[in-house]
Amino acid sequence: MNKNILIILGHPDSESFCGAIASAYESGAKVSGRQVKRIDLGRLRFDPVLHKGYREIQPLEPDLLEAKEAVVQADHIVFAYPVWWGAPPALLKGFFDRLFLPGFAFRFDGAKSVSWQRLLSNRSARLLVTMDTPPWYYRLVYRMPGHNQMKRTILNFCGIHPVRISEFGPIRTSNTGQRRKWLDEASALGRIGK
Protein backbone atom coordinates (compact mmCIF):
# COMPACT_ATOMS: atom_id res chain seq x y z
CA MET A 1 0.00 0.00 0.00
CA ASN A 2 1.33 3.43 -0.95
CA LYS A 3 0.76 5.40 2.25
CA ASN A 4 0.49 9.17 2.39
CA ILE A 5 3.00 10.14 5.05
CA LEU A 6 3.00 13.43 6.94
CA ILE A 7 6.19 14.34 8.81
CA ILE A 8 5.86 16.98 11.52
CA LEU A 9 9.09 18.39 12.93
CA GLY A 10 8.28 19.56 16.44
CA HIS A 11 11.69 21.08 17.16
CA PRO A 12 11.65 24.86 16.63
CA ASP A 13 15.02 24.66 14.83
CA SER A 14 14.91 22.88 11.47
CA GLU A 15 18.73 22.62 11.54
CA SER A 16 18.72 20.57 14.77
CA PHE A 17 19.52 16.86 14.99
CA CYS A 18 15.74 16.32 15.13
CA GLY A 19 15.61 18.03 11.75
CA ALA A 20 18.26 15.61 10.47
CA ILE A 21 16.27 12.65 11.84
CA ALA A 22 13.13 13.94 10.08
CA SER A 23 15.09 14.40 6.84
CA ALA A 24 16.52 10.87 7.05
CA TYR A 25 13.02 9.41 7.51
CA GLU A 26 11.72 11.58 4.65
CA SER A 27 14.49 10.42 2.30
CA GLY A 28 13.82 6.77 3.10
CA ALA A 29 10.08 7.18 2.53
CA LYS A 30 10.58 8.95 -0.80
CA VAL A 31 13.01 6.25 -2.02
CA SER A 32 10.19 3.75 -1.46
CA GLY A 33 7.82 5.80 -3.63
CA ARG A 34 5.58 7.05 -0.86
CA GLN A 35 3.82 10.42 -1.00
CA VAL A 36 5.45 12.58 1.68
CA LYS A 37 4.53 16.00 3.04
CA ARG A 38 6.64 17.69 5.72
CA ILE A 39 5.74 20.46 8.13
CA ASP A 40 8.45 22.19 10.21
CA LEU A 41 6.53 23.81 13.06
CA GLY A 42 9.30 26.35 13.65
CA ARG A 43 8.61 27.81 10.20
CA LEU A 44 4.84 28.16 10.62
CA ARG A 45 3.15 31.38 11.66
CA PHE A 46 0.54 30.68 14.32
CA ASP A 47 -0.26 31.56 17.90
CA PRO A 48 0.34 28.36 19.92
CA VAL A 49 -1.86 29.58 22.79
CA LEU A 50 -5.51 28.50 22.91
CA HIS A 51 -6.57 31.72 24.62
CA LYS A 52 -10.19 30.88 25.54
CA GLY A 53 -9.91 27.10 25.71
CA TYR A 54 -12.89 25.46 24.03
CA ARG A 55 -15.20 28.25 25.23
CA GLU A 56 -14.67 30.43 22.16
CA ILE A 57 -13.62 29.52 18.64
CA GLN A 58 -10.19 30.87 17.77
CA PRO A 59 -9.85 31.05 13.97
CA LEU A 60 -7.03 28.98 12.50
CA GLU A 61 -4.24 30.87 10.78
CA PRO A 62 -3.50 29.95 7.12
CA ASP A 63 -0.55 27.74 8.12
CA LEU A 64 -2.77 25.77 10.52
CA LEU A 65 -5.44 25.41 7.85
CA GLU A 66 -2.81 23.87 5.55
CA ALA A 67 -1.61 21.61 8.38
CA LYS A 68 -5.19 20.52 9.04
CA GLU A 69 -5.62 19.47 5.41
CA ALA A 70 -2.31 17.58 5.57
CA VAL A 71 -3.51 15.66 8.65
CA VAL A 72 -6.77 14.80 6.87
CA GLN A 73 -4.85 13.45 3.85
CA ALA A 74 -2.32 11.45 5.90
CA ASP A 75 -2.42 7.71 6.47
CA HIS A 76 0.67 7.79 8.68
CA ILE A 77 1.97 10.73 10.74
CA VAL A 78 5.57 10.96 11.89
CA PHE A 79 6.47 13.33 14.71
CA ALA A 80 10.17 14.17 15.17
CA TYR A 81 10.89 16.14 18.36
CA PRO A 82 13.14 16.35 21.41
CA VAL A 83 12.20 15.60 24.99
CA TRP A 84 12.63 18.77 27.03
CA TRP A 85 11.75 18.69 30.72
CA GLY A 86 10.32 15.20 30.25
CA ALA A 87 7.90 16.07 27.44
CA PRO A 88 7.68 17.47 23.88
CA PRO A 89 8.53 21.16 23.30
CA ALA A 90 5.88 23.80 23.98
CA LEU A 91 5.65 24.52 20.24
CA LEU A 92 4.44 20.98 19.50
CA LYS A 93 2.00 21.07 22.42
CA GLY A 94 0.70 24.43 21.14
CA PHE A 95 0.21 22.88 17.70
CA PHE A 96 -1.99 20.17 19.24
CA ASP A 97 -3.86 22.71 21.40
CA ARG A 98 -4.72 24.82 18.38
CA LEU A 99 -5.37 22.13 15.74
CA PHE A 100 -6.58 18.94 17.41
CA LEU A 101 -9.86 20.51 18.42
CA PRO A 102 -13.33 19.10 19.18
CA GLY A 103 -15.12 18.47 15.91
CA PHE A 104 -11.85 17.81 14.07
CA ALA A 105 -9.81 15.39 16.21
CA PHE A 106 -12.52 14.15 18.61
CA ARG A 107 -16.13 14.73 19.61
CA PHE A 108 -17.73 14.09 22.98
CA ASP A 109 -20.98 12.12 22.73
CA GLY A 110 -22.86 14.66 24.85
CA ALA A 111 -22.39 17.69 27.08
CA LYS A 112 -22.02 15.56 30.21
CA SER A 113 -20.75 12.39 28.55
CA VAL A 114 -17.40 10.81 29.36
CA SER A 115 -17.39 8.91 26.06
CA TRP A 116 -16.17 10.35 22.79
CA GLN A 117 -15.65 9.69 19.11
CA ARG A 118 -12.10 9.40 17.83
CA LEU A 119 -12.26 11.38 14.59
CA LEU A 120 -8.69 10.73 13.39
CA SER A 121 -9.03 6.94 13.26
CA ASN A 122 -7.53 4.92 10.39
CA ARG A 123 -4.15 6.59 10.84
CA SER A 124 -0.96 5.33 12.43
CA ALA A 125 1.97 7.27 13.88
CA ARG A 126 5.67 7.04 14.55
CA LEU A 127 7.41 9.18 17.18
CA LEU A 128 11.09 9.91 16.47
CA VAL A 129 12.22 11.22 19.83
CA THR A 130 15.63 12.64 20.74
CA MET A 131 16.72 13.10 24.33
CA ASP A 132 19.76 13.81 26.47
CA THR A 133 18.51 11.43 29.15
CA PRO A 134 19.50 7.82 28.48
CA PRO A 135 16.34 6.11 27.13
CA TRP A 136 16.51 3.34 29.77
CA TYR A 137 16.57 5.97 32.53
CA TYR A 138 13.66 7.85 30.94
CA ARG A 139 11.62 4.63 30.91
CA LEU A 140 12.52 3.19 34.32
CA VAL A 141 12.98 6.26 36.51
CA TYR A 142 10.80 8.95 34.91
CA ARG A 143 8.25 6.44 33.56
CA MET A 144 8.06 8.08 30.12
CA PRO A 145 5.77 11.07 30.80
CA GLY A 146 6.25 12.58 27.34
CA HIS A 147 5.72 9.26 25.56
CA ASN A 148 2.53 8.65 27.54
CA GLN A 149 1.30 12.17 26.78
CA MET A 150 1.88 11.83 23.04
CA LYS A 151 0.73 8.24 22.63
CA ARG A 152 -2.14 7.87 25.08
CA THR A 153 -3.56 11.27 25.93
CA ILE A 154 -3.22 12.90 22.50
CA LEU A 155 -2.87 10.49 19.57
CA ASN A 156 -4.77 7.44 20.87
CA PHE A 157 -7.42 9.77 22.32
CA CYS A 158 -8.03 11.06 18.77
CA GLY A 159 -8.03 7.55 17.26
CA ILE A 160 -4.48 7.42 15.88
CA HIS A 161 -3.31 3.85 16.40
CA PRO A 162 -0.87 2.16 16.50
CA VAL A 163 1.69 4.67 17.72
CA ARG A 164 5.25 3.37 17.61
CA ILE A 165 8.15 5.10 19.35
CA SER A 166 11.82 5.28 18.38
CA GLU A 167 14.21 6.89 20.87
CA PHE A 168 17.57 8.45 20.03
CA GLY A 169 19.81 9.35 22.91
CA PRO A 170 21.56 10.51 24.84
CA ILE A 171 22.28 13.11 22.17
CA ARG A 172 24.56 15.35 24.26
CA THR A 173 27.24 12.69 24.71
CA SER A 174 26.85 10.96 21.33
CA ASN A 175 29.60 10.85 18.71
CA THR A 176 29.43 11.13 14.92
CA GLY A 177 29.29 7.35 14.44
CA GLN A 178 26.36 6.98 16.82
CA ARG A 179 24.48 9.81 15.15
CA ARG A 180 25.10 8.25 11.71
CA LYS A 181 23.64 4.98 13.03
CA TRP A 182 20.53 6.80 14.29
CA LEU A 183 20.08 8.57 10.94
CA ASP A 184 20.36 5.21 9.15
CA GLU A 185 17.73 3.78 11.51
CA ALA A 186 15.35 6.68 10.75
CA SER A 187 15.91 6.23 7.01
CA ALA A 188 15.16 2.49 7.28
CA LEU A 189 11.90 3.28 9.09
CA GLY A 190 10.98 5.66 6.27
CA ARG A 191 11.64 3.00 3.65
CA ILE A 192 9.18 0.60 5.30
CA GLY A 193 6.70 3.40 6.06
CA LYS A 194 6.40 2.67 9.77
C-alpha atoms as a PDB file:
ATOM      1  CA  MET A   1       0.000   0.000   0.000  1.00  0.00           C
ATOM      2  CA  ASN A   2       1.328   3.426  -0.951  1.00  0.00           C
ATOM      3  CA  LYS A   3       0.759   5.396   2.254  1.00  0.00           C
ATOM      4  CA  ASN A   4       0.493   9.165   2.390  1.00  0.00           C
ATOM      5  CA  ILE A   5       3.000  10.145   5.054  1.00  0.00           C
ATOM      6  CA  LEU A   6       2.996  13.429   6.941  1.00  0.00           C
ATOM      7  CA  ILE A   7       6.189  14.344   8.807  1.00  0.00           C
ATOM      8  CA  ILE A   8       5.860  16.980  11.518  1.00  0.00           C
ATOM      9  CA  LEU A   9       9.087  18.394  12.933  1.00  0.00           C
ATOM     10  CA  GLY A  10       8.285  19.561  16.444  1.00  0.00           C
ATOM     11  CA  HIS A  11      11.695  21.078  17.164  1.00  0.00           C
ATOM     12  CA  PRO A  12      11.648  24.864  16.634  1.00  0.00           C
ATOM     13  CA  ASP A  13      15.016  24.663  14.830  1.00  0.00           C
ATOM     14  CA  SER A  14      14.911  22.876  11.465  1.00  0.00           C
ATOM     15  CA  GLU A  15      18.726  22.616  11.542  1.00  0.00           C
ATOM     16  CA  SER A  16      18.716  20.568  14.769  1.00  0.00           C
ATOM     17  CA  PHE A  17      19.523  16.860  14.987  1.00  0.00           C
ATOM     18  CA  CYS A  18      15.741  16.323  15.134  1.00  0.00           C
ATOM     19  CA  GLY A  19      15.610  18.028  11.752  1.00  0.00           C
ATOM     20  CA  ALA A  20      18.262  15.613  10.475  1.00  0.00           C
ATOM     21  CA  ILE A  21      16.274  12.648  11.841  1.00  0.00           C
ATOM     22  CA  ALA A  22      13.128  13.942  10.078  1.00  0.00           C
ATOM     23  CA  SER A  23      15.086  14.400   6.839  1.00  0.00           C
ATOM     24  CA  ALA A  24      16.522  10.873   7.053  1.00  0.00           C
ATOM     25  CA  TYR A  25      13.023   9.414   7.512  1.00  0.00           C
ATOM     26  CA  GLU A  26      11.722  11.576   4.653  1.00  0.00           C
ATOM     27  CA  SER A  27      14.492  10.418   2.299  1.00  0.00           C
ATOM     28  CA  GLY A  28      13.820   6.771   3.100  1.00  0.00           C
ATOM     29  CA  ALA A  29      10.083   7.177   2.528  1.00  0.00           C
ATOM     30  CA  LYS A  30      10.578   8.951  -0.805  1.00  0.00           C
ATOM     31  CA  VAL A  31      13.008   6.254  -2.022  1.00  0.00           C
ATOM     32  CA  SER A  32      10.192   3.747  -1.461  1.00  0.00           C
ATOM     33  CA  GLY A  33       7.822   5.799  -3.631  1.00  0.00           C
ATOM     34  CA  ARG A  34       5.577   7.050  -0.857  1.00  0.00           C
ATOM     35  CA  GLN A  35       3.823  10.418  -0.996  1.00  0.00           C
ATOM     36  CA  VAL A  36       5.449  12.580   1.684  1.00  0.00           C
ATOM     37  CA  LYS A  37       4.530  16.004   3.045  1.00  0.00           C
ATOM     38  CA  ARG A  38       6.637  17.690   5.716  1.00  0.00           C
ATOM     39  CA  ILE A  39       5.744  20.459   8.132  1.00  0.00           C
ATOM     40  CA  ASP A  40       8.446  22.194  10.209  1.00  0.00           C
ATOM     41  CA  LEU A  41       6.530  23.808  13.058  1.00  0.00           C
ATOM     42  CA  GLY A  42       9.297  26.355  13.654  1.00  0.00           C
ATOM     43  CA  ARG A  43       8.609  27.805  10.200  1.00  0.00           C
ATOM     44  CA  LEU A  44       4.838  28.158  10.620  1.00  0.00           C
ATOM     45  CA  ARG A  45       3.147  31.379  11.657  1.00  0.00           C
ATOM     46  CA  PHE A  46       0.537  30.680  14.317  1.00  0.00           C
ATOM     47  CA  ASP A  47      -0.256  31.560  17.899  1.00  0.00           C
ATOM     48  CA  PRO A  48       0.337  28.363  19.923  1.00  0.00           C
ATOM     49  CA  VAL A  49      -1.863  29.579  22.792  1.00  0.00           C
ATOM     50  CA  LEU A  50      -5.512  28.503  22.907  1.00  0.00           C
ATOM     51  CA  HIS A  51      -6.573  31.724  24.625  1.00  0.00           C
ATOM     52  CA  LYS A  52     -10.189  30.881  25.538  1.00  0.00           C
ATOM     53  CA  GLY A  53      -9.906  27.101  25.706  1.00  0.00           C
ATOM     54  CA  TYR A  54     -12.888  25.465  24.027  1.00  0.00           C
ATOM     55  CA  ARG A  55     -15.196  28.246  25.225  1.00  0.00           C
ATOM     56  CA  GLU A  56     -14.672  30.426  22.164  1.00  0.00           C
ATOM     57  CA  ILE A  57     -13.621  29.516  18.640  1.00  0.00           C
ATOM     58  CA  GLN A  58     -10.194  30.869  17.773  1.00  0.00           C
ATOM     59  CA  PRO A  59      -9.846  31.046  13.974  1.00  0.00           C
ATOM     60  CA  LEU A  60      -7.026  28.985  12.497  1.00  0.00           C
ATOM     61  CA  GLU A  61      -4.241  30.871  10.783  1.00  0.00           C
ATOM     62  CA  PRO A  62      -3.502  29.945   7.116  1.00  0.00           C
ATOM     63  CA  ASP A  63      -0.546  27.741   8.123  1.00  0.00           C
ATOM     64  CA  LEU A  64      -2.766  25.767  10.523  1.00  0.00           C
ATOM     65  CA  LEU A  65      -5.442  25.410   7.852  1.00  0.00           C
ATOM     66  CA  GLU A  66      -2.815  23.866   5.554  1.00  0.00           C
ATOM     67  CA  ALA A  67      -1.614  21.606   8.376  1.00  0.00           C
ATOM     68  CA  LYS A  68      -5.195  20.524   9.043  1.00  0.00           C
ATOM     69  CA  GLU A  69      -5.620  19.465   5.414  1.00  0.00           C
ATOM     70  CA  ALA A  70      -2.305  17.585   5.575  1.00  0.00           C
ATOM     71  CA  VAL A  71      -3.509  15.661   8.652  1.00  0.00           C
ATOM     72  CA  VAL A  72      -6.773  14.805   6.873  1.00  0.00           C
ATOM     73  CA  GLN A  73      -4.852  13.448   3.854  1.00  0.00           C
ATOM     74  CA  ALA A  74      -2.317  11.455   5.901  1.00  0.00           C
ATOM     75  CA  ASP A  75      -2.419   7.710   6.470  1.00  0.00           C
ATOM     76  CA  HIS A  76       0.675   7.787   8.682  1.00  0.00           C
ATOM     77  CA  ILE A  77       1.966  10.729  10.743  1.00  0.00           C
ATOM     78  CA  VAL A  78       5.568  10.960  11.891  1.00  0.00           C
ATOM     79  CA  PHE A  79       6.470  13.332  14.709  1.00  0.00           C
ATOM     80  CA  ALA A  80      10.167  14.175  15.172  1.00  0.00           C
ATOM     81  CA  TYR A  81      10.887  16.136  18.356  1.00  0.00           C
ATOM     82  CA  PRO A  82      13.141  16.351  21.407  1.00  0.00           C
ATOM     83  CA  VAL A  83      12.199  15.599  24.989  1.00  0.00           C
ATOM     84  CA  TRP A  84      12.628  18.774  27.025  1.00  0.00           C
ATOM     85  CA  TRP A  85      11.748  18.687  30.721  1.00  0.00           C
ATOM     86  CA  GLY A  86      10.323  15.204  30.249  1.00  0.00           C
ATOM     87  CA  ALA A  87       7.901  16.074  27.442  1.00  0.00           C
ATOM     88  CA  PRO A  88       7.685  17.467  23.878  1.00  0.00           C
ATOM     89  CA  PRO A  89       8.530  21.158  23.303  1.00  0.00           C
ATOM     90  CA  ALA A  90       5.883  23.798  23.978  1.00  0.00           C
ATOM     91  CA  LEU A  91       5.646  24.520  20.239  1.00  0.00           C
ATOM     92  CA  LEU A  92       4.436  20.982  19.500  1.00  0.00           C
ATOM     93  CA  LYS A  93       1.998  21.075  22.419  1.00  0.00           C
ATOM     94  CA  GLY A  94       0.698  24.429  21.143  1.00  0.00           C
ATOM     95  CA  PHE A  95       0.207  22.878  17.701  1.00  0.00           C
ATOM     96  CA  PHE A  96      -1.990  20.172  19.242  1.00  0.00           C
ATOM     97  CA  ASP A  97      -3.855  22.708  21.398  1.00  0.00           C
ATOM     98  CA  ARG A  98      -4.722  24.818  18.376  1.00  0.00           C
ATOM     99  CA  LEU A  99      -5.365  22.133  15.739  1.00  0.00           C
ATOM    100  CA  PHE A 100      -6.579  18.938  17.415  1.00  0.00           C
ATOM    101  CA  LEU A 101      -9.864  20.511  18.423  1.00  0.00           C
ATOM    102  CA  PRO A 102     -13.328  19.098  19.179  1.00  0.00           C
ATOM    103  CA  GLY A 103     -15.118  18.470  15.909  1.00  0.00           C
ATOM    104  CA  PHE A 104     -11.847  17.807  14.075  1.00  0.00           C
ATOM    105  CA  ALA A 105      -9.811  15.388  16.210  1.00  0.00           C
ATOM    106  CA  PHE A 106     -12.516  14.146  18.605  1.00  0.00           C
ATOM    107  CA  ARG A 107     -16.127  14.729  19.607  1.00  0.00           C
ATOM    108  CA  PHE A 108     -17.733  14.087  22.980  1.00  0.00           C
ATOM    109  CA  ASP A 109     -20.983  12.121  22.732  1.00  0.00           C
ATOM    110  CA  GLY A 110     -22.862  14.662  24.847  1.00  0.00           C
ATOM    111  CA  ALA A 111     -22.387  17.693  27.076  1.00  0.00           C
ATOM    112  CA  LYS A 112     -22.022  15.556  30.214  1.00  0.00           C
ATOM    113  CA  SER A 113     -20.751  12.387  28.550  1.00  0.00           C
ATOM    114  CA  VAL A 114     -17.398  10.815  29.364  1.00  0.00           C
ATOM    115  CA  SER A 115     -17.386   8.913  26.064  1.00  0.00           C
ATOM    116  CA  TRP A 116     -16.167  10.354  22.793  1.00  0.00           C
ATOM    117  CA  GLN A 117     -15.654   9.690  19.111  1.00  0.00           C
ATOM    118  CA  ARG A 118     -12.105   9.403  17.830  1.00  0.00           C
ATOM    119  CA  LEU A 119     -12.262  11.381  14.592  1.00  0.00           C
ATOM    120  CA  LEU A 120      -8.692  10.727  13.386  1.00  0.00           C
ATOM    121  CA  SER A 121      -9.028   6.939  13.255  1.00  0.00           C
ATOM    122  CA  ASN A 122      -7.535   4.924  10.391  1.00  0.00           C
ATOM    123  CA  ARG A 123      -4.152   6.590  10.841  1.00  0.00           C
ATOM    124  CA  SER A 124      -0.963   5.332  12.431  1.00  0.00           C
ATOM    125  CA  ALA A 125       1.965   7.274  13.876  1.00  0.00           C
ATOM    126  CA  ARG A 126       5.675   7.041  14.552  1.00  0.00           C
ATOM    127  CA  LEU A 127       7.407   9.181  17.182  1.00  0.00           C
ATOM    128  CA  LEU A 128      11.086   9.911  16.467  1.00  0.00           C
ATOM    129  CA  VAL A 129      12.223  11.217  19.834  1.00  0.00           C
ATOM    130  CA  THR A 130      15.631  12.636  20.744  1.00  0.00           C
ATOM    131  CA  MET A 131      16.722  13.096  24.329  1.00  0.00           C
ATOM    132  CA  ASP A 132      19.756  13.808  26.468  1.00  0.00           C
ATOM    133  CA  THR A 133      18.510  11.431  29.154  1.00  0.00           C
ATOM    134  CA  PRO A 134      19.503   7.820  28.484  1.00  0.00           C
ATOM    135  CA  PRO A 135      16.345   6.115  27.133  1.00  0.00           C
ATOM    136  CA  TRP A 136      16.509   3.341  29.766  1.00  0.00           C
ATOM    137  CA  TYR A 137      16.568   5.969  32.526  1.00  0.00           C
ATOM    138  CA  TYR A 138      13.656   7.848  30.945  1.00  0.00           C
ATOM    139  CA  ARG A 139      11.620   4.629  30.909  1.00  0.00           C
ATOM    140  CA  LEU A 140      12.520   3.187  34.320  1.00  0.00           C
ATOM    141  CA  VAL A 141      12.982   6.263  36.513  1.00  0.00           C
ATOM    142  CA  TYR A 142      10.803   8.953  34.910  1.00  0.00           C
ATOM    143  CA  ARG A 143       8.250   6.442  33.560  1.00  0.00           C
ATOM    144  CA  MET A 144       8.063   8.078  30.121  1.00  0.00           C
ATOM    145  CA  PRO A 145       5.771  11.067  30.802  1.00  0.00           C
ATOM    146  CA  GLY A 146       6.249  12.578  27.338  1.00  0.00           C
ATOM    147  CA  HIS A 147       5.717   9.258  25.556  1.00  0.00           C
ATOM    148  CA  ASN A 148       2.528   8.655  27.542  1.00  0.00           C
ATOM    149  CA  GLN A 149       1.298  12.167  26.777  1.00  0.00           C
ATOM    150  CA  MET A 150       1.885  11.828  23.041  1.00  0.00           C
ATOM    151  CA  LYS A 151       0.731   8.240  22.626  1.00  0.00           C
ATOM    152  CA  ARG A 152      -2.139   7.868  25.077  1.00  0.00           C
ATOM    153  CA  THR A 153      -3.556  11.270  25.926  1.00  0.00           C
ATOM    154  CA  ILE A 154      -3.218  12.902  22.499  1.00  0.00           C
ATOM    155  CA  LEU A 155      -2.868  10.490  19.567  1.00  0.00           C
ATOM    156  CA  ASN A 156      -4.775   7.438  20.870  1.00  0.00           C
ATOM    157  CA  PHE A 157      -7.423   9.774  22.317  1.00  0.00           C
ATOM    158  CA  CYS A 158      -8.025  11.063  18.767  1.00  0.00           C
ATOM    159  CA  GLY A 159      -8.027   7.553  17.257  1.00  0.00           C
ATOM    160  CA  ILE A 160      -4.477   7.420  15.878  1.00  0.00           C
ATOM    161  CA  HIS A 161      -3.309   3.851  16.396  1.00  0.00           C
ATOM    162  CA  PRO A 162      -0.870   2.164  16.499  1.00  0.00           C
ATOM    163  CA  VAL A 163       1.689   4.668  17.724  1.00  0.00           C
ATOM    164  CA  ARG A 164       5.248   3.368  17.610  1.00  0.00           C
ATOM    165  CA  ILE A 165       8.151   5.099  19.348  1.00  0.00           C
ATOM    166  CA  SER A 166      11.823   5.280  18.377  1.00  0.00           C
ATOM    167  CA  GLU A 167      14.210   6.886  20.870  1.00  0.00           C
ATOM    168  CA  PHE A 168      17.568   8.449  20.028  1.00  0.00           C
ATOM    169  CA  GLY A 169      19.810   9.353  22.914  1.00  0.00           C
ATOM    170  CA  PRO A 170      21.559  10.513  24.836  1.00  0.00           C
ATOM    171  CA  ILE A 171      22.283  13.114  22.167  1.00  0.00           C
ATOM    172  CA  ARG A 172      24.556  15.347  24.264  1.00  0.00           C
ATOM    173  CA  THR A 173      27.238  12.689  24.708  1.00  0.00           C
ATOM    174  CA  SER A 174      26.854  10.959  21.326  1.00  0.00           C
ATOM    175  CA  ASN A 175      29.597  10.849  18.707  1.00  0.00           C
ATOM    176  CA  THR A 176      29.434  11.133  14.916  1.00  0.00           C
ATOM    177  CA  GLY A 177      29.287   7.346  14.444  1.00  0.00           C
ATOM    178  CA  GLN A 178      26.360   6.977  16.821  1.00  0.00           C
ATOM    179  CA  ARG A 179      24.484   9.806  15.147  1.00  0.00           C
ATOM    180  CA  ARG A 180      25.098   8.250  11.712  1.00  0.00           C
ATOM    181  CA  LYS A 181      23.640   4.980  13.032  1.00  0.00           C
ATOM    182  CA  TRP A 182      20.529   6.798  14.290  1.00  0.00           C
ATOM    183  CA  LEU A 183      20.076   8.567  10.941  1.00  0.00           C
ATOM    184  CA  ASP A 184      20.357   5.210   9.148  1.00  0.00           C
ATOM    185  CA  GLU A 185      17.725   3.782  11.507  1.00  0.00           C
ATOM    186  CA  ALA A 186      15.347   6.677  10.748  1.00  0.00           C
ATOM    187  CA  SER A 187      15.913   6.226   7.007  1.00  0.00           C
ATOM    188  CA  ALA A 188      15.157   2.492   7.284  1.00  0.00           C
ATOM    189  CA  LEU A 189      11.902   3.278   9.094  1.00  0.00           C
ATOM    190  CA  GLY A 190      10.977   5.658   6.271  1.00  0.00           C
ATOM    191  CA  ARG A 191      11.642   2.996   3.654  1.00  0.00           C
ATOM    192  CA  ILE A 192       9.178   0.603   5.303  1.00  0.00           C
ATOM    193  CA  GLY A 193       6.696   3.397   6.062  1.00  0.00           C
ATOM    194  CA  LYS A 194       6.396   2.675   9.772  1.00  0.00           C
END
